[in-house]
Amino acid sequence: MGKTLSWPGGNTLAVWVKARAGRDALLGLREGALHIALAAPPVEDRANEALVRFLAQALGVRSRQVELVGGRHSRHKLVRIAEIAPEELRRRVEEALQRCTADV
């Protein structure tokens, strides 16, 4: 498991998704990406929609600001967060990761 988050550029996040989990949760980092568990199944775009909602809530942005830009049919995804400065996004991601490790 990677210990640092890779930043593909600007407001784009690498995400590793585990669908059909027991609950929605940020699990930490995996392979340089945010490791997120989602209860939704990976059918009919339900897991992707759940990912957008989860990230919006975790990062304190509106769902319309979260866009899946790569990996629609893969566990490895790229997500762009709009209307937020890259430095602010990095701060919010780090805070979310700290909350995730505090919950363990």
PDB file of N, CA and C in Angstrom:
ATOM      1  N   MET A   1       0.839  -1.165   0.000  1.00  0.00           N
ATOM      2  CA  MET A   1       0.000   0.000   0.000  1.00  0.00           C
ATOM      3  C   MET A   1       0.887   1.231   0.000  1.00  0.00           C
ATOM      4  N   GLY A   2       0.596   2.188  -0.924  1.00  0.00           N
ATOM      5  CA  GLY A   2       1.369   3.415  -0.985  1.00  0.00           C
ATOM      6  C   GLY A   2       1.082   4.304   0.208  1.00  0.00           C
ATOM      7  N   LYS A   3       2.075   5.086   0.607  1.00  0.00           N
ATOM      8  CA  LYS A   3       1.907   5.939   1.774  1.00  0.00           C
ATOM      9  C   LYS A   3       1.640   7.384   1.417  1.00  0.00           C
ATOM     10  N   THR A   4       1.819   7.759   0.147  1.00  0.00           N
ATOM     11  CA  THR A   4       1.551   9.126  -0.271  1.00  0.00           C
ATOM     12  C   THR A   4       0.559   9.119  -1.415  1.00  0.00           C
ATOM     13  N   LEU A   5      -0.224  10.152  -1.467  1.00  0.00           N
ATOM     14  CA  LEU A   5      -1.223  10.300  -2.508  1.00  0.00           C
ATOM     15  C   LEU A   5      -0.569  10.873  -3.744  1.00  0.00           C
ATOM     16  N   SER A   6      -0.784  10.228  -4.888  1.00  0.00           N
ATOM     17  CA  SER A   6      -0.273  10.783  -6.135  1.00  0.00           C
ATOM     18  C   SER A   6      -1.287  11.799  -6.652  1.00  0.00           C
ATOM     19  N   TRP A   7      -0.791  12.916  -7.131  1.00  0.00           N
ATOM     20  CA  TRP A   7      -1.642  13.981  -7.668  1.00  0.00           C
ATOM     21  C   TRP A   7      -1.404  14.051  -9.162  1.00  0.00           C
ATOM     22  N   PRO A   8      -2.294  13.466  -9.974  1.00  0.00           N
ATOM     23  CA  PRO A   8      -2.096  13.498 -11.422  1.00  0.00           C
ATOM     24  C   PRO A   8      -1.983  14.919 -11.976  1.00  0.00           C
ATOM     25  N   GLY A   9      -2.520  15.894 -11.279  1.00  0.00           N
ATOM     26  CA  GLY A   9      -2.396  17.277 -11.731  1.00  0.00           C
ATOM     27  C   GLY A   9      -3.581  18.118 -11.324  1.00  0.00           C
ATOM     28  N   GLY A  10      -3.298  19.333 -10.872  1.00  0.00           N
ATOM     29  CA  GLY A  10      -4.351  20.290 -10.534  1.00  0.00           C
ATOM     30  C   GLY A  10      -5.362  19.744  -9.555  1.00  0.00           C
ATOM     31  N   ASN A  11      -6.580  19.672 -10.002  1.00  0.00           N
ATOM     32  CA  ASN A  11      -7.680  19.240  -9.150  1.00  0.00           C
ATOM     33  C   ASN A  11      -8.114  17.805  -9.450  1.00  0.00           C
ATOM     34  N   THR A  12      -7.216  16.999  -9.956  1.00  0.00           N
ATOM     35  CA  THR A  12      -7.534  15.615 -10.295  1.00  0.00           C
ATOM     36  C   THR A  12      -6.978  14.681  -9.226  1.00  0.00           C
ATOM     37  N   LEU A  13      -7.838  13.795  -8.736  1.00  0.00           N
ATOM     38  CA  LEU A  13      -7.458  12.833  -7.703  1.00  0.00           C
ATOM     39  C   LEU A  13      -7.476  11.423  -8.266  1.00  0.00           C
ATOM     40  N   ALA A  14      -6.510  10.623  -7.873  1.00  0.00           N
ATOM     41  CA  ALA A  14      -6.529   9.202  -8.171  1.00  0.00           C
ATOM     42  C   ALA A  14      -7.325   8.522  -7.055  1.00  0.00           C
ATOM     43  N   VAL A  15      -8.238   7.634  -7.438  1.00  0.00           N
ATOM     44  CA  VAL A  15      -9.111   6.963  -6.468  1.00  0.00           C
ATOM     45  C   VAL A  15      -9.120   5.464  -6.772  1.00  0.00           C
ATOM     46  N   TRP A  16      -9.062   4.657  -5.725  1.00  0.00           N
ATOM     47  CA  TRP A  16      -9.167   3.202  -5.828  1.00  0.00           C
ATOM     48  C   TRP A  16     -10.443   2.814  -5.101  1.00  0.00           C
ATOM     49  N   VAL A  17     -11.402   2.219  -5.799  1.00  0.00           N
ATOM     50  CA  VAL A  17     -12.739   1.957  -5.245  1.00  0.00           C
ATOM     51  C   VAL A  17     -12.958   0.472  -5.010  1.00  0.00           C
ATOM     52  N   LYS A  18     -13.512   0.173  -3.827  1.00  0.00           N
ATOM     53  CA  LYS A  18     -13.981  -1.175  -3.513  1.00  0.00           C
ATOM     54  C   LYS A  18     -15.499  -1.094  -3.420  1.00  0.00           C
ATOM     55  N   ALA A  19     -16.189  -1.602  -4.438  1.00  0.00           N
ATOM     56  CA  ALA A  19     -17.648  -1.587  -4.453  1.00  0.00           C
ATOM     57  C   ALA A  19     -18.197  -2.772  -3.666  1.00  0.00           C
ATOM     58  N   ARG A  20     -19.481  -2.711  -3.363  1.00  0.00           N
ATOM     59  CA  ARG A  20     -20.181  -3.750  -2.591  1.00  0.00           C
ATOM     60  C   ARG A  20     -19.570  -3.962  -1.208  1.00  0.00           C
ATOM     61  N   ALA A  21     -19.091  -2.893  -0.612  1.00  0.00           N
ATOM     62  CA  ALA A  21     -18.547  -2.974   0.751  1.00  0.00           C
ATOM     63  C   ALA A  21     -19.712  -2.899   1.737  1.00  0.00           C
ATOM     64  N   GLY A  22     -19.425  -3.138   2.981  1.00  0.00           N
ATOM     65  CA  GLY A  22     -20.454  -3.081   4.007  1.00  0.00           C
ATOM     66  C   GLY A  22     -20.992  -1.676   4.242  1.00  0.00           C
ATOM     67  N   ARG A  23     -20.135  -0.678   4.005  1.00  0.00           N
ATOM     68  CA  ARG A  23     -20.544   0.719   4.208  1.00  0.00           C
ATOM     69  C   ARG A  23     -19.649   1.617   3.376  1.00  0.00           C
ATOM     70  N   ASP A  24     -20.086   2.855   3.173  1.00  0.00           N
ATOM     71  CA  ASP A  24     -19.262   3.848   2.495  1.00  0.00           C
ATOM     72  C   ASP A  24     -18.233   4.378   3.479  1.00  0.00           C
ATOM     73  N   ALA A  25     -16.962   4.385   3.070  1.00  0.00           N
ATOM     74  CA  ALA A  25     -15.912   4.854   3.973  1.00  0.00           C
ATOM     75  C   ALA A  25     -14.639   5.185   3.204  1.00  0.00           C
ATOM     76  N   LEU A  26     -13.934   6.183   3.707  1.00  0.00           N
ATOM     77  CA  LEU A  26     -12.585   6.462   3.238  1.00  0.00           C
ATOM     78  C   LEU A  26     -11.661   5.591   4.069  1.00  0.00           C
ATOM     79  N   LEU A  27     -10.924   4.702   3.409  1.00  0.00           N
ATOM     80  CA  LEU A  27     -10.104   3.731   4.120  1.00  0.00           C
ATOM     81  C   LEU A  27      -8.646   4.155   4.252  1.00  0.00           C
ATOM     82  N   GLY A  28      -8.238   5.172   3.534  1.00  0.00           N
ATOM     83  CA  GLY A  28      -6.853   5.628   3.573  1.00  0.00           C
ATOM     84  C   GLY A  28      -6.293   5.714   2.176  1.00  0.00           C
ATOM     85  N   LEU A  29      -5.049   5.250   2.013  1.00  0.00           N
ATOM     86  CA  LEU A  29      -4.388   5.274   0.716  1.00  0.00           C
ATOM     87  C   LEU A  29      -4.083   3.860   0.260  1.00  0.00           C
ATOM     88  N   ARG A  30      -4.168   3.650  -1.043  1.00  0.00           N
ATOM     89  CA  ARG A  30      -3.822   2.364  -1.639  1.00  0.00           C
ATOM     90  C   ARG A  30      -3.248   2.647  -3.022  1.00  0.00           C
ATOM     91  N   GLU A  31      -2.063   2.155  -3.268  1.00  0.00           N
ATOM     92  CA  GLU A  31      -1.417   2.330  -4.570  1.00  0.00           C
ATOM     93  C   GLU A  31      -1.363   3.798  -4.977  1.00  0.00           C
ATOM     94  N   GLY A  32      -1.121   4.687  -4.029  1.00  0.00           N
ATOM     95  CA  GLY A  32      -1.006   6.112  -4.313  1.00  0.00           C
ATOM     96  C   GLY A  32      -2.322   6.807  -4.583  1.00  0.00           C
ATOM     97  N   ALA A  33      -3.438   6.152  -4.290  1.00  0.00           N
ATOM     98  CA  ALA A  33      -4.762   6.715  -4.548  1.00  0.00           C
ATOM     99  C   ALA A  33      -5.587   6.704  -3.267  1.00  0.00           C
ATOM    100  N   LEU A  34      -6.606   7.546  -3.220  1.00  0.00           N
ATOM    101  CA  LEU A  34      -7.557   7.478  -2.112  1.00  0.00           C
ATOM    102  C   LEU A  34      -8.266   6.133  -2.205  1.00  0.00           C
ATOM    103  N   HIS A  35      -8.295   5.373  -1.120  1.00  0.00           N
ATOM    104  CA  HIS A  35      -8.958   4.071  -1.090  1.00  0.00           C
ATOM    105  C   HIS A  35     -10.325   4.273  -0.463  1.00  0.00           C
ATOM    106  N   ILE A  36     -11.363   4.055  -1.270  1.00  0.00           N
ATOM    107  CA  ILE A  36     -12.731   4.321  -0.830  1.00  0.00           C
ATOM    108  C   ILE A  36     -13.569   3.058  -0.970  1.00  0.00           C
ATOM    109  N   ALA A  37     -14.275   2.712   0.090  1.00  0.00           N
ATOM    110  CA  ALA A  37     -15.220   1.596   0.070  1.00  0.00           C
ATOM    111  C   ALA A  37     -16.613   2.171  -0.150  1.00  0.00           C
ATOM    112  N   LEU A  38     -17.377   1.538  -1.022  1.00  0.00           N
ATOM    113  CA  LEU A  38     -18.745   1.971  -1.311  1.00  0.00           C
ATOM    114  C   LEU A  38     -19.689   0.782  -1.196  1.00  0.00           C
ATOM    115  N   ALA A  39     -20.817   1.002  -0.567  1.00  0.00           N
ATOM    116  CA  ALA A  39     -21.811  -0.062  -0.430  1.00  0.00           C
ATOM    117  C   ALA A  39     -22.497  -0.367  -1.766  1.00  0.00           C
ATOM    118  N   ALA A  40     -22.549   0.593  -2.655  1.00  0.00           N
ATOM    119  CA  ALA A  40     -23.242   0.434  -3.941  1.00  0.00           C
ATOM    120  C   ALA A  40     -22.538  -0.610  -4.810  1.00  0.00           C
ATOM    121  N   PRO A  41     -23.332  -1.360  -5.584  1.00  0.00           N
ATOM    122  CA  PRO A  41     -22.734  -2.336  -6.496  1.00  0.00           C
ATOM    123  C   PRO A  41     -22.209  -1.640  -7.762  1.00  0.00           C
ATOM    124  N   PRO A  42     -21.241  -2.263  -8.438  1.00  0.00           N
ATOM    125  CA  PRO A  42     -20.677  -1.661  -9.640  1.00  0.00           C
ATOM    126  C   PRO A  42     -21.501  -1.959 -10.897  1.00  0.00           C
ATOM    127  N   VAL A  43     -22.802  -1.776 -10.809  1.00  0.00           N
ATOM    128  CA  VAL A  43     -23.689  -2.011 -11.958  1.00  0.00           C
ATOM    129  C   VAL A  43     -24.532  -0.767 -12.200  1.00  0.00           C
ATOM    130  N   GLU A  44     -24.861  -0.569 -13.472  1.00  0.00           N
ATOM    131  CA  GLU A  44     -25.714   0.557 -13.872  1.00  0.00           C
ATOM    132  C   GLU A  44     -25.209   1.884 -13.318  1.00  0.00           C
ATOM    133  N   ASP A  45     -23.900   2.037 -13.206  1.00  0.00           N
ATOM    134  CA  ASP A  45     -23.255   3.289 -12.779  1.00  0.00           C
ATOM    135  C   ASP A  45     -23.549   3.665 -11.322  1.00  0.00           C
ATOM    136  N   ARG A  46     -24.127   2.747 -10.548  1.00  0.00           N
ATOM    137  CA  ARG A  46     -24.479   3.077  -9.161  1.00  0.00           C
ATOM    138  C   ARG A  46     -23.258   3.372  -8.299  1.00  0.00           C
ATOM    139  N   ALA A  47     -22.190   2.601  -8.440  1.00  0.00           N
ATOM    140  CA  ALA A  47     -20.988   2.849  -7.636  1.00  0.00           C
ATOM    141  C   ALA A  47     -20.353   4.186  -8.019  1.00  0.00           C
ATOM    142  N   ASN A  48     -20.346   4.518  -9.300  1.00  0.00           N
ATOM    143  CA  ASN A  48     -19.789   5.804  -9.725  1.00  0.00           C
ATOM    144  C   ASN A  48     -20.598   6.968  -9.157  1.00  0.00           C
ATOM    145  N   GLU A  49     -21.907   6.851  -9.173  1.00  0.00           N
ATOM    146  CA  GLU A  49     -22.764   7.899  -8.603  1.00  0.00           C
ATOM    147  C   GLU A  49     -22.536   8.007  -7.094  1.00  0.00           C
ATOM    148  N   ALA A  50     -22.403   6.870  -6.429  1.00  0.00           N
ATOM    149  CA  ALA A  50     -22.133   6.877  -4.985  1.00  0.00           C
ATOM    150  C   ALA A  50     -20.776   7.501  -4.695  1.00  0.00           C
ATOM    151  N   LEU A  51     -19.793   7.246  -5.553  1.00  0.00           N
ATOM    152  CA  LEU A  51     -18.465   7.839  -5.383  1.00  0.00           C
ATOM    153  C   LEU A  51     -18.533   9.358  -5.457  1.00  0.00           C
ATOM    154  N   VAL A  52     -19.257   9.873  -6.423  1.00  0.00           N
ATOM    155  CA  VAL A  52     -19.396  11.329  -6.563  1.00  0.00           C
ATOM    156  C   VAL A  52     -20.028  11.922  -5.307  1.00  0.00           C
ATOM    157  N   ARG A  53     -21.105  11.324  -4.827  1.00  0.00           N
ATOM    158  CA  ARG A  53     -21.767  11.820  -3.610  1.00  0.00           C
ATOM    159  C   ARG A  53     -20.840  11.727  -2.405  1.00  0.00           C
ATOM    160  N   PHE A  54     -20.134  10.601  -2.263  1.00  0.00           N
ATOM    161  CA  PHE A  54     -19.254  10.398  -1.121  1.00  0.00           C
ATOM    162  C   PHE A  54     -18.121  11.423  -1.110  1.00  0.00           C
ATOM    163  N   LEU A  55     -17.457  11.596  -2.251  1.00  0.00           N
ATOM    164  CA  LEU A  55     -16.357  12.558  -2.308  1.00  0.00           C
ATOM    165  C   LEU A  55     -16.839  13.981  -2.067  1.00  0.00           C
ATOM    166  N   ALA A  56     -17.998  14.330  -2.603  1.00  0.00           N
ATOM    167  CA  ALA A  56     -18.539  15.669  -2.367  1.00  0.00           C
ATOM    168  C   ALA A  56     -18.731  15.905  -0.874  1.00  0.00           C
ATOM    169  N   GLN A  57     -19.310  14.951  -0.187  1.00  0.00           N
ATOM    170  CA  GLN A  57     -19.526  15.088   1.249  1.00  0.00           C
ATOM    171  C   GLN A  57     -18.203  15.111   2.008  1.00  0.00           C
ATOM    172  N   ALA A  58     -17.293  14.205   1.685  1.00  0.00           N
ATOM    173  CA  ALA A  58     -16.018  14.103   2.395  1.00  0.00           C
ATOM    174  C   ALA A  58     -15.159  15.350   2.220  1.00  0.00           C
ATOM    175  N   LEU A  59     -15.263  15.998   1.054  1.00  0.00           N
ATOM    176  CA  LEU A  59     -14.433  17.159   0.756  1.00  0.00           C
ATOM    177  C   LEU A  59     -15.158  18.481   0.946  1.00  0.00           C
ATOM    178  N   GLY A  60     -16.432  18.427   1.303  1.00  0.00           N
ATOM    179  CA  GLY A  60     -17.188  19.646   1.562  1.00  0.00           C
ATOM    180  C   GLY A  60     -17.453  20.479   0.318  1.00  0.00           C
ATOM    181  N   VAL A  61     -17.762  19.791  -0.796  1.00  0.00           N
ATOM    182  CA  VAL A  61     -18.109  20.491  -2.028  1.00  0.00           C
ATOM    183  C   VAL A  61     -19.468  19.977  -2.502  1.00  0.00           C
ATOM    184  N   ARG A  62     -20.021  20.633  -3.519  1.00  0.00           N
ATOM    185  CA  ARG A  62     -21.290  20.185  -4.091  1.00  0.00           C
ATOM    186  C   ARG A  62     -21.033  19.026  -5.057  1.00  0.00           C
ATOM    187  N   SER A  63     -21.992  18.144  -5.177  1.00  0.00           N
ATOM    188  CA  SER A  63     -21.852  16.979  -6.072  1.00  0.00           C
ATOM    189  C   SER A  63     -21.553  17.398  -7.501  1.00  0.00           C
ATOM    190  N   ARG A  64     -22.107  18.517  -7.936  1.00  0.00           N
ATOM    191  CA  ARG A  64     -21.873  18.951  -9.320  1.00  0.00           C
ATOM    192  C   ARG A  64     -20.424  19.363  -9.561  1.00  0.00           C
ATOM    193  N   GLN A  65     -19.659  19.578  -8.483  1.00  0.00           N
ATOM    194  CA  GLN A  65     -18.247  19.931  -8.619  1.00  0.00           C
ATOM    195  C   GLN A  65     -17.361  18.701  -8.815  1.00  0.00           C
ATOM    196  N   VAL A  66     -17.905  17.521  -8.572  1.00  0.00           N
ATOM    197  CA  VAL A  66     -17.135  16.274  -8.646  1.00  0.00           C
ATOM    198  C   VAL A  66     -17.456  15.584  -9.971  1.00  0.00           C
ATOM    199  N   GLU A  67     -16.410  15.337 -10.763  1.00  0.00           N
ATOM    200  CA  GLU A  67     -16.600  14.738 -12.084  1.00  0.00           C
ATOM    201  C   GLU A  67     -15.660  13.548 -12.257  1.00  0.00           C
ATOM    202  N   LEU A  68     -16.226  12.431 -12.621  1.00  0.00           N
ATOM    203  CA  LEU A  68     -15.433  11.244 -12.926  1.00  0.00           C
ATOM    204  C   LEU A  68     -14.877  11.424 -14.338  1.00  0.00           C
ATOM    205  N   VAL A  69     -13.548  11.511 -14.458  1.00  0.00           N
ATOM    206  CA  VAL A  69     -12.932  11.773 -15.766  1.00  0.00           C
ATOM    207  C   VAL A  69     -12.170  10.569 -16.320  1.00  0.00           C
ATOM    208  N   GLY A  70     -12.056   9.515 -15.547  1.00  0.00           N
ATOM    209  CA  GLY A  70     -11.380   8.324 -16.045  1.00  0.00           C
ATOM    210  C   GLY A  70     -11.679   7.120 -15.177  1.00  0.00           C
ATOM    211  N   GLY A  71     -11.745   5.953 -15.806  1.00  0.00           N
ATOM    212  CA  GLY A  71     -11.932   4.717 -15.062  1.00  0.00           C
ATOM    213  C   GLY A  71     -13.368   4.368 -14.751  1.00  0.00           C
ATOM    214  N   ARG A  72     -14.295   4.785 -15.593  1.00  0.00           N
ATOM    215  CA  ARG A  72     -15.717   4.535 -15.336  1.00  0.00           C
ATOM    216  C   ARG A  72     -16.006   3.059 -15.067  1.00  0.00           C
ATOM    217  N   HIS A  73     -15.285   2.146 -15.726  1.00  0.00           N
ATOM    218  CA  HIS A  73     -15.535   0.704 -15.566  1.00  0.00           C
ATOM    219  C   HIS A  73     -14.374  -0.001 -14.878  1.00  0.00           C
ATOM    220  N   SER A  74     -13.649   0.720 -14.034  1.00  0.00           N
ATOM    221  CA  SER A  74     -12.469   0.177 -13.367  1.00  0.00           C
ATOM    222  C   SER A  74     -12.486   0.541 -11.893  1.00  0.00           C
ATOM    223  N   ARG A  75     -11.711  -0.171 -11.091  1.00  0.00           N
ATOM    224  CA  ARG A  75     -11.542   0.212  -9.684  1.00  0.00           C
ATOM    225  C   ARG A  75     -10.667   1.449  -9.573  1.00  0.00           C
ATOM    226  N   HIS A  76      -9.772   1.615 -10.525  1.00  0.00           N
ATOM    227  CA  HIS A  76      -8.852   2.754 -10.548  1.00  0.00           C
ATOM    228  C   HIS A  76      -9.523   3.883 -11.323  1.00  0.00           C
ATOM    229  N   LYS A  77      -9.768   4.984 -10.648  1.00  0.00           N
ATOM    230  CA  LYS A  77     -10.508   6.080 -11.255  1.00  0.00           C
ATOM    231  C   LYS A  77      -9.753   7.388 -11.111  1.00  0.00           C
ATOM    232  N   LEU A  78     -10.072   8.328 -11.987  1.00  0.00           N
ATOM    233  CA  LEU A  78      -9.592   9.703 -11.872  1.00  0.00           C
ATOM    234  C   LEU A  78     -10.812  10.582 -11.695  1.00  0.00           C
ATOM    235  N   VAL A  79     -10.743  11.448 -10.695  1.00  0.00           N
ATOM    236  CA  VAL A  79     -11.857  12.327 -10.373  1.00  0.00           C
ATOM    237  C   VAL A  79     -11.346  13.762 -10.349  1.00  0.00           C
ATOM    238  N   ARG A  80     -12.064  14.646 -11.004  1.00  0.00           N
ATOM    239  CA  ARG A  80     -11.716  16.064 -11.002  1.00  0.00           C
ATOM    240  C   ARG A  80     -12.701  16.799 -10.090  1.00  0.00           C
ATOM    241  N   ILE A  81     -12.148  17.684  -9.259  1.00  0.00           N
ATOM    242  CA  ILE A  81     -12.963  18.520  -8.379  1.00  0.00           C
ATOM    243  C   ILE A  81     -12.870  19.949  -8.920  1.00  0.00           C
ATOM    244  N   ALA A  82     -13.992  20.507  -9.326  1.00  0.00           N
ATOM    245  CA  ALA A  82     -14.024  21.835  -9.940  1.00  0.00           C
ATOM    246  C   ALA A  82     -14.283  22.926  -8.905  1.00  0.00           C
ATOM    247  N   GLU A  83     -13.977  24.142  -9.297  1.00  0.00           N
ATOM    248  CA  GLU A  83     -14.297  25.346  -8.525  1.00  0.00           C
ATOM    249  C   GLU A  83     -13.627  25.388  -7.154  1.00  0.00           C
ATOM    250  N   ILE A  84     -12.430  24.853  -7.064  1.00  0.00           N
ATOM    251  CA  ILE A  84     -11.680  24.885  -5.816  1.00  0.00           C
ATOM    252  C   ILE A  84     -10.195  24.952  -6.181  1.00  0.00           C
ATOM    253  N   ALA A  85      -9.460  25.760  -5.456  1.00  0.00           N
ATOM    254  CA  ALA A  85      -8.027  25.886  -5.725  1.00  0.00           C
ATOM    255  C   ALA A  85      -7.315  24.587  -5.374  1.00  0.00           C
ATOM    256  N   PRO A  86      -6.291  24.208  -6.144  1.00  0.00           N
ATOM    257  CA  PRO A  86      -5.566  22.962  -5.859  1.00  0.00           C
ATOM    258  C   PRO A  86      -5.035  22.891  -4.426  1.00  0.00           C
ATOM    259  N   GLU A  87      -4.562  24.008  -3.886  1.00  0.00           N
ATOM    260  CA  GLU A  87      -4.039  24.004  -2.513  1.00  0.00           C
ATOM    261  C   GLU A  87      -5.147  23.712  -1.502  1.00  0.00           C
ATOM    262  N   GLU A  88      -6.326  24.282  -1.747  1.00  0.00           N
ATOM    263  CA  GLU A  88      -7.468  24.046  -0.859  1.00  0.00           C
ATOM    264  C   GLU A  88      -7.934  22.596  -0.966  1.00  0.00           C
ATOM    265  N   LEU A  89      -7.938  22.056  -2.168  1.00  0.00           N
ATOM    266  CA  LEU A  89      -8.316  20.658  -2.351  1.00  0.00           C
ATOM    267  C   LEU A  89      -7.345  19.750  -1.609  1.00  0.00           C
ATOM    268  N   ARG A  90      -6.063  20.018  -1.719  1.00  0.00           N
ATOM    269  CA  ARG A  90      -5.053  19.207  -1.020  1.00  0.00           C
ATOM    270  C   ARG A  90      -5.285  19.257   0.489  1.00  0.00           C
ATOM    271  N   ARG A  91      -5.580  20.433   1.013  1.00  0.00           N
ATOM    272  CA  ARG A  91      -5.835  20.589   2.446  1.00  0.00           C
ATOM    273  C   ARG A  91      -7.050  19.755   2.867  1.00  0.00           C
ATOM    274  N   ARG A  92      -8.116  19.817   2.071  1.00  0.00           N
ATOM    275  CA  ARG A  92      -9.339  19.073   2.409  1.00  0.00           C
ATOM    276  C   ARG A  92      -9.119  17.561   2.326  1.00  0.00           C
ATOM    277  N   VAL A  93      -8.340  17.117   1.348  1.00  0.00           N
ATOM    278  CA  VAL A  93      -8.039  15.691   1.240  1.00  0.00           C
ATOM    279  C   VAL A  93      -7.229  15.240   2.455  1.00  0.00           C
ATOM    280  N   GLU A  94      -6.237  16.017   2.830  1.00  0.00           N
ATOM    281  CA  GLU A  94      -5.422  15.669   3.996  1.00  0.00           C
ATOM    282  C   GLU A  94      -6.261  15.617   5.262  1.00  0.00           C
ATOM    283  N   GLU A  95      -7.197  16.562   5.418  1.00  0.00           N
ATOM    284  CA  GLU A  95      -8.093  16.540   6.584  1.00  0.00           C
ATOM    285  C   GLU A  95      -8.973  15.292   6.571  1.00  0.00           C
ATOM    286  N   ALA A  96      -9.488  14.933   5.402  1.00  0.00           N
ATOM    287  CA  ALA A  96     -10.331  13.732   5.301  1.00  0.00           C
ATOM    288  C   ALA A  96      -9.527  12.485   5.653  1.00  0.00           C
ATOM    289  N   LEU A  97      -8.274  12.431   5.203  1.00  0.00           N
ATOM    290  CA  LEU A  97      -7.421  11.282   5.537  1.00  0.00           C
ATOM    291  C   LEU A  97      -7.126  11.236   7.043  1.00  0.00           C
ATOM    292  N   GLN A  98      -6.935  12.384   7.655  1.00  0.00           N
ATOM    293  CA  GLN A  98      -6.695  12.422   9.109  1.00  0.00           C
ATOM    294  C   GLN A  98      -7.933  11.934   9.852  1.00  0.00           C
ATOM    295  N   ARG A  99      -9.129  12.340   9.420  1.00  0.00           N
ATOM    296  CA  ARG A  99     -10.361  11.875  10.058  1.00  0.00           C
ATOM    297  C   ARG A  99     -10.495  10.374   9.887  1.00  0.00           C
ATOM    298  N   CYS A 100     -10.111   9.879   8.740  1.00  0.00           N
ATOM    299  CA  CYS A 100     -10.217   8.435   8.449  1.00  0.00           C
ATOM    300  C   CYS A 100      -9.312   7.645   9.394  1.00  0.00           C
ATOM    301  N   THR A 101      -8.079   8.092   9.612  1.00  0.00           N
ATOM    302  CA  THR A 101      -7.174   7.367  10.490  1.00  0.00           C
ATOM    303  C   THR A 101      -7.570   7.543  11.952  1.00  0.00           C
ATOM    304  N   ALA A 102      -8.243   8.632  12.281  1.00  0.00           N
ATOM    305  CA  ALA A 102      -8.704   8.844  13.657  1.00  0.00           C
ATOM    306  C   ALA A 102      -9.865   7.898  13.983  1.00  0.00           C
ATOM    307  N   ASP A 103     -10.630   7.503  12.953  1.00  0.00           N
ATOM    308  CA  ASP A 103     -11.762   6.604  13.169  1.00  0.00           C
ATOM    309  C   ASP A 103     -11.334   5.164  13.397  1.00  0.00           C
ATOM    310  N   VAL A 104     -10.111   4.830  13.046  1.00  0.00           N
ATOM    311  CA  VAL A 104      -9.649   3.434  13.153  1.00  0.00           C
ATOM    312  C   VAL A 104      -9.260   3.097  14.560  1.00  0.00           C
TER     313      VAL A 104
END
